[in-house]
Amino acid sequence: MKYAVRVVTRNFVKDFWGSLMNFLGRRIKTYEDMVKEAIESCLKELGNVKEAHIQCEELTNGALMVVVYGE
């Protein structure tokens, strides 16, 4: 089994805009992009796998762990 892990954190600017969008009930595109980049990075590291499984876990307020694994 192959796996790749990324830990990503938000920054002050993204957090400010994310909080504002959340308050307004809008999509938080900056966070979506952050998670998407982490997943894509993991998939690139894994290379060719038949089936990939993705798991995301909040580590602390503002930090996210992305684990991608497959065979």
PDB file of N, CA and C in Angstrom:
ATOM      1  N   MET A   1       0.842  -1.176   0.000  1.00  0.00           N
ATOM      2  CA  MET A   1       0.000   0.000   0.000  1.00  0.00           C
ATOM      3  C   MET A   1       0.888   1.241   0.000  1.00  0.00           C
ATOM      4  N   LYS A   2       0.539   2.169  -0.851  1.00  0.00           N
ATOM      5  CA  LYS A   2       1.235   3.455  -0.909  1.00  0.00           C
ATOM      6  C   LYS A   2       0.387   4.499  -0.184  1.00  0.00           C
ATOM      7  N   TYR A   3       1.068   5.496   0.386  1.00  0.00           N
ATOM      8  CA  TYR A   3       0.326   6.595   0.990  1.00  0.00           C
ATOM      9  C   TYR A   3       1.137   7.880   0.930  1.00  0.00           C
ATOM     10  N   ALA A   4       0.443   8.991   1.014  1.00  0.00           N
ATOM     11  CA  ALA A   4       1.072  10.309   1.054  1.00  0.00           C
ATOM     12  C   ALA A   4       0.282  11.158   2.043  1.00  0.00           C
ATOM     13  N   VAL A   5       0.986  12.024   2.752  1.00  0.00           N
ATOM     14  CA  VAL A   5       0.366  12.862   3.773  1.00  0.00           C
ATOM     15  C   VAL A   5       0.764  14.317   3.548  1.00  0.00           C
ATOM     16  N   ARG A   6      -0.178  15.219   3.715  1.00  0.00           N
ATOM     17  CA  ARG A   6       0.092  16.646   3.677  1.00  0.00           C
ATOM     18  C   ARG A   6      -0.628  17.291   4.854  1.00  0.00           C
ATOM     19  N   VAL A   7       0.051  18.222   5.501  1.00  0.00           N
ATOM     20  CA  VAL A   7      -0.575  19.037   6.540  1.00  0.00           C
ATOM     21  C   VAL A   7      -0.563  20.467   6.019  1.00  0.00           C
ATOM     22  N   VAL A   8      -1.741  21.050   5.926  1.00  0.00           N
ATOM     23  CA  VAL A   8      -1.869  22.405   5.407  1.00  0.00           C
ATOM     24  C   VAL A   8      -2.499  23.292   6.467  1.00  0.00           C
ATOM     25  N   THR A   9      -2.136  24.556   6.429  1.00  0.00           N
ATOM     26  CA  THR A   9      -2.699  25.513   7.372  1.00  0.00           C
ATOM     27  C   THR A   9      -3.164  26.748   6.610  1.00  0.00           C
ATOM     28  N   ARG A  10      -4.109  27.397   7.190  1.00  0.00           N
ATOM     29  CA  ARG A  10      -4.576  28.641   6.596  1.00  0.00           C
ATOM     30  C   ARG A  10      -3.687  29.779   7.083  1.00  0.00           C
ATOM     31  N   ASN A  11      -3.707  30.873   6.356  1.00  0.00           N
ATOM     32  CA  ASN A  11      -2.942  32.027   6.805  1.00  0.00           C
ATOM     33  C   ASN A  11      -3.897  33.165   7.163  1.00  0.00           C
ATOM     34  N   PHE A  12      -3.344  34.242   7.661  1.00  0.00           N
ATOM     35  CA  PHE A  12      -4.156  35.347   8.175  1.00  0.00           C
ATOM     36  C   PHE A  12      -5.092  35.912   7.118  1.00  0.00           C
ATOM     37  N   VAL A  13      -4.585  36.150   5.914  1.00  0.00           N
ATOM     38  CA  VAL A  13      -5.399  36.746   4.849  1.00  0.00           C
ATOM     39  C   VAL A  13      -6.519  35.797   4.440  1.00  0.00           C
ATOM     40  N   LYS A  14      -6.173  34.517   4.204  1.00  0.00           N
ATOM     41  CA  LYS A  14      -7.197  33.547   3.833  1.00  0.00           C
ATOM     42  C   LYS A  14      -8.218  33.371   4.951  1.00  0.00           C
ATOM     43  N   ASP A  15      -7.756  33.421   6.187  1.00  0.00           N
ATOM     44  CA  ASP A  15      -8.652  33.260   7.322  1.00  0.00           C
ATOM     45  C   ASP A  15      -9.630  34.430   7.414  1.00  0.00           C
ATOM     46  N   PHE A  16      -9.137  35.636   7.170  1.00  0.00           N
ATOM     47  CA  PHE A  16      -9.999  36.816   7.207  1.00  0.00           C
ATOM     48  C   PHE A  16     -11.107  36.703   6.164  1.00  0.00           C
ATOM     49  N   TRP A  17     -10.722  36.418   4.921  1.00  0.00           N
ATOM     50  CA  TRP A  17     -11.713  36.310   3.849  1.00  0.00           C
ATOM     51  C   TRP A  17     -12.624  35.101   4.058  1.00  0.00           C
ATOM     52  N   GLY A  18     -12.074  34.009   4.539  1.00  0.00           N
ATOM     53  CA  GLY A  18     -12.884  32.828   4.810  1.00  0.00           C
ATOM     54  C   GLY A  18     -13.935  33.100   5.876  1.00  0.00           C
ATOM     55  N   SER A  19     -13.539  33.798   6.929  1.00  0.00           N
ATOM     56  CA  SER A  19     -14.486  34.140   7.998  1.00  0.00           C
ATOM     57  C   SER A  19     -15.585  35.058   7.478  1.00  0.00           C
ATOM     58  N   LEU A  20     -15.216  36.001   6.625  1.00  0.00           N
ATOM     59  CA  LEU A  20     -16.196  36.912   6.044  1.00  0.00           C
ATOM     60  C   LEU A  20     -17.172  36.150   5.151  1.00  0.00           C
ATOM     61  N   MET A  21     -16.660  35.264   4.308  1.00  0.00           N
ATOM     62  CA  MET A  21     -17.533  34.484   3.428  1.00  0.00           C
ATOM     63  C   MET A  21     -18.441  33.561   4.239  1.00  0.00           C
ATOM     64  N   ASN A  22     -17.914  32.975   5.304  1.00  0.00           N
ATOM     65  CA  ASN A  22     -18.707  32.119   6.181  1.00  0.00           C
ATOM     66  C   ASN A  22     -19.834  32.919   6.825  1.00  0.00           C
ATOM     67  N   PHE A  23     -19.506  34.113   7.290  1.00  0.00           N
ATOM     68  CA  PHE A  23     -20.505  34.994   7.911  1.00  0.00           C
ATOM     69  C   PHE A  23     -21.623  35.331   6.930  1.00  0.00           C
ATOM     70  N   LEU A  24     -21.247  35.523   5.675  1.00  0.00           N
ATOM     71  CA  LEU A  24     -22.224  35.880   4.643  1.00  0.00           C
ATOM     72  C   LEU A  24     -22.937  34.664   4.058  1.00  0.00           C
ATOM     73  N   GLY A  25     -22.540  33.464   4.488  1.00  0.00           N
ATOM     74  CA  GLY A  25     -23.175  32.253   3.995  1.00  0.00           C
ATOM     75  C   GLY A  25     -22.743  31.882   2.592  1.00  0.00           C
ATOM     76  N   ARG A  26     -21.529  32.261   2.216  1.00  0.00           N
ATOM     77  CA  ARG A  26     -21.021  32.011   0.870  1.00  0.00           C
ATOM     78  C   ARG A  26     -20.025  30.853   0.883  1.00  0.00           C
ATOM     79  N   ARG A  27     -19.664  30.391  -0.319  1.00  0.00           N
ATOM     80  CA  ARG A  27     -18.628  29.362  -0.448  1.00  0.00           C
ATOM     81  C   ARG A  27     -17.298  29.924   0.034  1.00  0.00           C
ATOM     82  N   ILE A  28     -16.523  29.096   0.702  1.00  0.00           N
ATOM     83  CA  ILE A  28     -15.204  29.517   1.166  1.00  0.00           C
ATOM     84  C   ILE A  28     -14.179  28.942   0.194  1.00  0.00           C
ATOM     85  N   LYS A  29     -14.074  29.577  -0.957  1.00  0.00           N
ATOM     86  CA  LYS A  29     -13.243  29.110  -2.064  1.00  0.00           C
ATOM     87  C   LYS A  29     -11.767  29.003  -1.661  1.00  0.00           C
ATOM     88  N   THR A  30     -11.281  29.916  -0.824  1.00  0.00           N
ATOM     89  CA  THR A  30      -9.861  29.860  -0.437  1.00  0.00           C
ATOM     90  C   THR A  30      -9.541  28.561   0.298  1.00  0.00           C
ATOM     91  N   TYR A  31     -10.457  28.098   1.147  1.00  0.00           N
ATOM     92  CA  TYR A  31     -10.232  26.839   1.860  1.00  0.00           C
ATOM     93  C   TYR A  31     -10.384  25.649   0.926  1.00  0.00           C
ATOM     94  N   GLU A  32     -11.357  25.724   0.021  1.00  0.00           N
ATOM     95  CA  GLU A  32     -11.533  24.656  -0.960  1.00  0.00           C
ATOM     96  C   GLU A  32     -10.257  24.475  -1.785  1.00  0.00           C
ATOM     97  N   ASP A  33      -9.675  25.586  -2.215  1.00  0.00           N
ATOM     98  CA  ASP A  33      -8.443  25.530  -3.009  1.00  0.00           C
ATOM     99  C   ASP A  33      -7.284  24.948  -2.208  1.00  0.00           C
ATOM    100  N   MET A  34      -7.206  25.286  -0.922  1.00  0.00           N
ATOM    101  CA  MET A  34      -6.143  24.783  -0.056  1.00  0.00           C
ATOM    102  C   MET A  34      -6.232  23.258   0.059  1.00  0.00           C
ATOM    103  N   VAL A  35      -7.436  22.732   0.260  1.00  0.00           N
ATOM    104  CA  VAL A  35      -7.634  21.290   0.385  1.00  0.00           C
ATOM    105  C   VAL A  35      -7.373  20.609  -0.954  1.00  0.00           C
ATOM    106  N   LYS A  36      -7.857  21.209  -2.033  1.00  0.00           N
ATOM    107  CA  LYS A  36      -7.661  20.651  -3.374  1.00  0.00           C
ATOM    108  C   LYS A  36      -6.175  20.529  -3.708  1.00  0.00           C
ATOM    109  N   GLU A  37      -5.392  21.564  -3.405  1.00  0.00           N
ATOM    110  CA  GLU A  37      -3.951  21.527  -3.666  1.00  0.00           C
ATOM    111  C   GLU A  37      -3.263  20.427  -2.865  1.00  0.00           C
ATOM    112  N   ALA A  38      -3.679  20.225  -1.615  1.00  0.00           N
ATOM    113  CA  ALA A  38      -3.085  19.174  -0.784  1.00  0.00           C
ATOM    114  C   ALA A  38      -3.397  17.797  -1.357  1.00  0.00           C
ATOM    115  N   ILE A  39      -4.635  17.585  -1.787  1.00  0.00           N
ATOM    116  CA  ILE A  39      -5.026  16.294  -2.362  1.00  0.00           C
ATOM    117  C   ILE A  39      -4.274  16.049  -3.663  1.00  0.00           C
ATOM    118  N   GLU A  40      -4.208  17.057  -4.534  1.00  0.00           N
ATOM    119  CA  GLU A  40      -3.502  16.901  -5.807  1.00  0.00           C
ATOM    120  C   GLU A  40      -2.023  16.604  -5.596  1.00  0.00           C
ATOM    121  N   SER A  41      -1.422  17.239  -4.590  1.00  0.00           N
ATOM    122  CA  SER A  41      -0.018  16.999  -4.281  1.00  0.00           C
ATOM    123  C   SER A  41       0.204  15.553  -3.836  1.00  0.00           C
ATOM    124  N   CYS A  42      -0.692  15.049  -3.002  1.00  0.00           N
ATOM    125  CA  CYS A  42      -0.596  13.659  -2.548  1.00  0.00           C
ATOM    126  C   CYS A  42      -0.761  12.689  -3.711  1.00  0.00           C
ATOM    127  N   LEU A  43      -1.749  12.935  -4.570  1.00  0.00           N
ATOM    128  CA  LEU A  43      -1.977  12.051  -5.712  1.00  0.00           C
ATOM    129  C   LEU A  43      -0.777  12.043  -6.646  1.00  0.00           C
ATOM    130  N   LYS A  44      -0.157  13.200  -6.835  1.00  0.00           N
ATOM    131  CA  LYS A  44       1.032  13.284  -7.687  1.00  0.00           C
ATOM    132  C   LYS A  44       2.171  12.465  -7.092  1.00  0.00           C
ATOM    133  N   GLU A  45       2.341  12.538  -5.775  1.00  0.00           N
ATOM    134  CA  GLU A  45       3.395  11.775  -5.112  1.00  0.00           C
ATOM    135  C   GLU A  45       3.161  10.269  -5.237  1.00  0.00           C
ATOM    136  N   LEU A  46       1.905   9.843  -5.142  1.00  0.00           N
ATOM    137  CA  LEU A  46       1.591   8.416  -5.222  1.00  0.00           C
ATOM    138  C   LEU A  46       1.842   7.847  -6.610  1.00  0.00           C
ATOM    139  N   GLY A  47       1.639   8.654  -7.625  1.00  0.00           N
ATOM    140  CA  GLY A  47       1.787   8.147  -8.991  1.00  0.00           C
ATOM    141  C   GLY A  47       0.572   7.337  -9.384  1.00  0.00           C
ATOM    142  N   ASN A  48       0.806   6.234 -10.068  1.00  0.00           N
ATOM    143  CA  ASN A  48      -0.292   5.399 -10.545  1.00  0.00           C
ATOM    144  C   ASN A  48      -0.786   4.459  -9.462  1.00  0.00           C
ATOM    145  N   VAL A  49      -2.026   4.632  -9.092  1.00  0.00           N
ATOM    146  CA  VAL A  49      -2.699   3.696  -8.191  1.00  0.00           C
ATOM    147  C   VAL A  49      -4.057   3.364  -8.811  1.00  0.00           C
ATOM    148  N   LYS A  50      -4.513   2.150  -8.588  1.00  0.00           N
ATOM    149  CA  LYS A  50      -5.804   1.736  -9.159  1.00  0.00           C
ATOM    150  C   LYS A  50      -6.951   2.513  -8.545  1.00  0.00           C
ATOM    151  N   GLU A  51      -6.915   2.638  -7.240  1.00  0.00           N
ATOM    152  CA  GLU A  51      -7.993   3.317  -6.524  1.00  0.00           C
ATOM    153  C   GLU A  51      -7.385   4.080  -5.358  1.00  0.00           C
ATOM    154  N   ALA A  52      -7.699   5.361  -5.266  1.00  0.00           N
ATOM    155  CA  ALA A  52      -7.166   6.191  -4.190  1.00  0.00           C
ATOM    156  C   ALA A  52      -8.264   6.495  -3.176  1.00  0.00           C
ATOM    157  N   HIS A  53      -7.908   6.459  -1.909  1.00  0.00           N
ATOM    158  CA  HIS A  53      -8.814   6.805  -0.827  1.00  0.00           C
ATOM    159  C   HIS A  53      -8.273   8.056  -0.155  1.00  0.00           C
ATOM    160  N   ILE A  54      -9.157   8.980   0.136  1.00  0.00           N
ATOM    161  CA  ILE A  54      -8.750  10.272   0.699  1.00  0.00           C
ATOM    162  C   ILE A  54      -9.399  10.442   2.063  1.00  0.00           C
ATOM    163  N   GLN A  55      -8.576  10.862   3.016  1.00  0.00           N
ATOM    164  CA  GLN A  55      -9.066  11.111   4.366  1.00  0.00           C
ATOM    165  C   GLN A  55      -8.557  12.482   4.805  1.00  0.00           C
ATOM    166  N   CYS A  56      -9.446  13.312   5.325  1.00  0.00           N
ATOM    167  CA  CYS A  56      -9.079  14.639   5.833  1.00  0.00           C
ATOM    168  C   CYS A  56      -9.463  14.721   7.302  1.00  0.00           C
ATOM    169  N   GLU A  57      -8.554  15.217   8.110  1.00  0.00           N
ATOM    170  CA  GLU A  57      -8.795  15.358   9.545  1.00  0.00           C
ATOM    171  C   GLU A  57      -8.313  16.724  10.011  1.00  0.00           C
ATOM    172  N   GLU A  58      -9.106  17.385  10.843  1.00  0.00           N
ATOM    173  CA  GLU A  58      -8.677  18.645  11.436  1.00  0.00           C
ATOM    174  C   GLU A  58      -7.718  18.327  12.584  1.00  0.00           C
ATOM    175  N   LEU A  59      -6.532  18.920  12.548  1.00  0.00           N
ATOM    176  CA  LEU A  59      -5.548  18.700  13.619  1.00  0.00           C
ATOM    177  C   LEU A  59      -5.737  19.711  14.736  1.00  0.00           C
ATOM    178  N   THR A  60      -5.794  20.972  14.374  1.00  0.00           N
ATOM    179  CA  THR A  60      -6.044  22.063  15.313  1.00  0.00           C
ATOM    180  C   THR A  60      -6.902  23.071  14.581  1.00  0.00           C
ATOM    181  N   ASN A  61      -7.277  24.107  15.251  1.00  0.00           N
ATOM    182  CA  ASN A  61      -8.045  25.166  14.603  1.00  0.00           C
ATOM    183  C   ASN A  61      -7.179  25.805  13.518  1.00  0.00           C
ATOM    184  N   GLY A  62      -7.470  25.492  12.279  1.00  0.00           N
ATOM    185  CA  GLY A  62      -6.717  26.080  11.176  1.00  0.00           C
ATOM    186  C   GLY A  62      -5.743  25.149  10.504  1.00  0.00           C
ATOM    187  N   ALA A  63      -5.551  23.942  11.018  1.00  0.00           N
ATOM    188  CA  ALA A  63      -4.629  22.992  10.395  1.00  0.00           C
ATOM    189  C   ALA A  63      -5.392  21.731   9.995  1.00  0.00           C
ATOM    190  N   LEU A  64      -5.113  21.253   8.786  1.00  0.00           N
ATOM    191  CA  LEU A  64      -5.807  20.102   8.237  1.00  0.00           C
ATOM    192  C   LEU A  64      -4.799  19.087   7.738  1.00  0.00           C
ATOM    193  N   MET A  65      -5.029  17.814   8.060  1.00  0.00           N
ATOM    194  CA  MET A  65      -4.181  16.742   7.567  1.00  0.00           C
ATOM    195  C   MET A  65      -4.938  16.013   6.467  1.00  0.00           C
ATOM    196  N   VAL A  66      -4.276  15.832   5.324  1.00  0.00           N
ATOM    197  CA  VAL A  66      -4.853  15.104   4.202  1.00  0.00           C
ATOM    198  C   VAL A  66      -4.005  13.854   3.995  1.00  0.00           C
ATOM    199  N   VAL A  67      -4.654  12.685   4.030  1.00  0.00           N
ATOM    200  CA  VAL A  67      -3.976  11.407   3.786  1.00  0.00           C
ATOM    201  C   VAL A  67      -4.637  10.780   2.566  1.00  0.00           C
ATOM    202  N   VAL A  68      -3.800  10.410   1.590  1.00  0.00           N
ATOM    203  CA  VAL A  68      -4.287   9.727   0.398  1.00  0.00           C
ATOM    204  C   VAL A  68      -3.548   8.392   0.326  1.00  0.00           C
ATOM    205  N   TYR A  69      -4.290   7.307   0.165  1.00  0.00           N
ATOM    206  CA  TYR A  69      -3.647   6.002   0.091  1.00  0.00           C
ATOM    207  C   TYR A  69      -4.325   5.141  -0.963  1.00  0.00           C
ATOM    208  N   GLY A  70      -3.582   4.163  -1.456  1.00  0.00           N
ATOM    209  CA  GLY A  70      -4.120   3.263  -2.449  1.00  0.00           C
ATOM    210  C   GLY A  70      -3.091   2.196  -2.814  1.00  0.00           C
ATOM    211  N   GLU A  71      -3.491   1.310  -3.720  1.00  0.00           N
ATOM    212  CA  GLU A  71      -2.595   0.228  -4.168  1.00  0.00           C
ATOM    213  C   GLU A  71      -2.395   0.319  -5.656  1.00  0.00           C
TER     214      GLU A  71
END
